[in-house]
Protein backbone atom coordinates (compact mmCIF):
# COMPACT_ATOMS: atom_id res chain seq x y z
CA MET A 1 -61.47 83.09 29.80
CA ARG A 2 -64.78 81.82 28.43
CA PHE A 3 -67.14 79.55 30.30
CA GLU A 4 -69.15 77.22 28.08
CA ILE A 5 -72.86 76.62 28.54
CA PRO A 6 -73.67 72.90 28.53
CA GLU A 7 -75.83 71.34 25.84
CA ALA A 8 -77.81 69.30 28.41
CA LYS A 9 -80.01 71.80 30.20
CA THR A 10 -83.71 72.44 30.78
CA LEU A 11 -85.51 75.69 29.93
CA SER A 12 -86.96 76.96 33.21
CA HIS A 13 -88.05 80.53 32.43
CA GLU A 14 -88.32 83.00 29.56
CA MET A 15 -89.10 86.68 29.65
CA ARG A 16 -88.88 89.95 27.72
CA ILE A 17 -86.83 92.82 29.17
CA PRO A 18 -87.03 96.26 27.52
CA MET A 19 -83.70 97.98 26.94
CA ARG A 20 -83.69 101.53 28.23
CA TRP A 21 -81.92 104.54 26.75
CA GLY A 22 -80.00 104.85 30.01
CA ASP A 23 -78.65 101.29 29.65
CA MET A 24 -76.28 102.49 26.92
CA ASP A 25 -72.76 103.73 27.52
CA ALA A 26 -70.64 106.31 25.70
CA MET A 27 -69.84 103.74 22.99
CA GLY A 28 -73.52 103.57 21.98
CA HIS A 29 -74.24 100.04 23.17
CA VAL A 30 -75.64 98.49 26.33
CA ASN A 31 -73.04 98.77 29.09
CA ASN A 32 -71.44 95.46 30.11
CA THR A 33 -72.70 95.79 33.68
CA LEU A 34 -76.30 95.82 32.43
CA TYR A 35 -75.96 92.33 30.96
CA PHE A 36 -75.51 91.09 34.53
CA ARG A 37 -78.59 93.10 35.51
CA TYR A 38 -80.60 91.40 32.73
CA LEU A 39 -79.40 88.00 34.02
CA GLU A 40 -80.45 89.03 37.53
CA ILE A 41 -83.89 90.21 36.38
CA ALA A 42 -84.52 86.85 34.70
CA ARG A 43 -83.25 84.88 37.71
CA LEU A 44 -85.41 86.82 40.19
CA ALA A 45 -88.47 86.51 37.92
CA TRP A 46 -87.87 82.73 37.90
CA PHE A 47 -87.63 82.75 41.72
CA ASP A 48 -91.01 84.51 41.89
CA ALA A 49 -92.54 82.18 39.27
CA ILE A 50 -91.60 79.08 41.29
CA GLY A 51 -92.73 80.58 44.61
CA CYS A 52 -89.27 81.21 46.01
CA PRO A 53 -89.10 84.92 46.89
CA ALA A 54 -86.29 86.33 49.02
CA ASN A 55 -86.84 85.47 52.67
CA PRO A 56 -84.03 86.73 54.93
CA ASP A 57 -85.66 85.07 57.95
CA GLY A 58 -85.86 81.62 56.34
CA GLU A 59 -84.23 79.67 53.53
CA GLY A 60 -83.64 80.39 49.86
CA LEU A 61 -81.23 80.59 46.96
CA VAL A 62 -78.06 82.68 46.79
CA ILE A 63 -75.44 83.09 44.07
CA VAL A 64 -71.95 81.75 44.74
CA ASN A 65 -70.52 82.70 41.33
CA ALA A 66 -71.61 84.30 38.06
CA PHE A 67 -70.22 84.85 34.57
CA CYS A 68 -71.20 86.36 31.24
CA ASN A 69 -69.85 85.77 27.72
CA PHE A 70 -70.38 88.73 25.39
CA TYR A 71 -70.85 87.75 21.74
CA GLN A 72 -72.38 90.83 20.11
CA GLN A 73 -73.33 94.31 21.26
CA LEU A 74 -76.90 95.03 22.27
CA GLU A 75 -78.06 98.46 21.12
CA TYR A 76 -81.11 100.52 22.04
CA PRO A 77 -83.97 100.46 21.11
CA GLY A 78 -85.30 96.94 21.51
CA ASP A 79 -86.28 94.20 23.86
CA VAL A 80 -84.06 91.45 25.22
CA ILE A 81 -85.42 87.92 25.41
CA ALA A 82 -83.85 86.20 28.41
CA LYS A 83 -84.06 82.40 28.39
CA GLN A 84 -83.00 80.77 31.64
CA TYR A 85 -82.00 77.13 31.92
CA VAL A 86 -81.23 74.85 34.87
CA CYS A 87 -79.10 71.73 35.18
CA ASN A 88 -76.80 69.73 37.44
CA PRO A 89 -78.74 69.83 40.71
CA GLY A 90 -76.40 68.83 43.53
CA ARG A 91 -76.97 68.29 47.22
CA SER A 92 -77.53 71.99 47.86
CA SER A 93 -76.82 73.69 44.52
CA ILE A 94 -78.20 74.26 41.03
CA ASP A 95 -76.42 75.53 37.93
CA THR A 96 -78.36 78.16 35.97
CA TYR A 97 -77.58 79.53 32.53
CA THR A 98 -79.23 82.40 30.66
CA THR A 99 -79.05 83.43 27.02
CA LEU A 100 -79.85 86.96 25.87
CA GLU A 101 -81.37 87.53 22.43
CA ARG A 102 -83.11 90.47 20.81
CA SER A 103 -86.83 90.06 20.20
CA ASP A 104 -86.30 91.20 16.61
CA ALA A 105 -83.51 88.61 16.06
CA PRO A 106 -84.84 85.41 17.65
CA GLY A 107 -82.33 82.60 17.98
CA LYS A 108 -79.30 84.90 17.73
CA ILE A 109 -77.47 84.90 21.06
CA TYR A 110 -75.96 88.26 21.96
CA ALA A 111 -74.68 87.13 25.36
CA ALA A 112 -74.88 84.10 27.60
CA GLY A 113 -74.16 83.78 31.27
CA GLY A 114 -74.68 81.64 34.27
CA ALA A 115 -74.67 81.38 38.02
CA LYS A 116 -74.33 78.61 40.55
CA LEU A 117 -77.08 78.91 43.15
CA VAL A 118 -76.92 77.39 46.62
CA TRP A 119 -79.85 76.75 48.97
CA VAL A 120 -79.06 78.51 52.25
CA ASP A 121 -80.50 78.89 55.73
CA PHE A 122 -80.16 82.68 55.93
CA PRO A 123 -80.17 83.16 59.73
CA LEU A 124 -77.53 80.42 60.16
CA GLN A 125 -75.69 81.38 56.94
CA LYS A 126 -75.19 77.71 56.10
CA SER A 127 -76.04 75.67 53.03
CA ARG A 128 -78.87 73.18 53.31
CA PRO A 129 -80.00 70.38 50.99
CA LEU A 130 -82.29 71.49 48.17
CA PRO A 131 -85.91 71.10 49.25
CA ASP A 132 -87.71 68.17 47.61
CA TRP A 133 -90.12 70.47 45.73
CA LEU A 134 -87.23 72.41 44.17
CA ARG A 135 -85.23 69.27 43.34
CA ALA A 136 -88.30 67.84 41.58
CA LEU A 137 -88.68 71.08 39.62
CA VAL A 138 -85.08 71.22 38.37
CA SER A 139 -84.38 67.50 37.88
């Protein structure tokens, strides 16, 4: 099954992630699990960039689902360019999508994934409406 990334989305964050020798598997390419790690690195860097670090005693964003479409193998050495997009803000959720390119092949998507994020009150473990500042940022 393949999940499609929507055309209507807003670039929210971009970063460079170095591939490491240890990211490769026995087949000589980056292991599939590492693509999810790259998506996570980009997502957490975006959280930090917007002033939304993890706060287990307060409120914040959590993932309720995630996916990744693999188009072409990433191989060491090189850097991954992760471009994260946001769209479809709901009452308490945001859809995020991330494309992974190589820095030496800009514009060529090697993988693309996404995650639905929900704003949660961590101590109560209940969703809450997106804060106004975040809604303004992603709308």
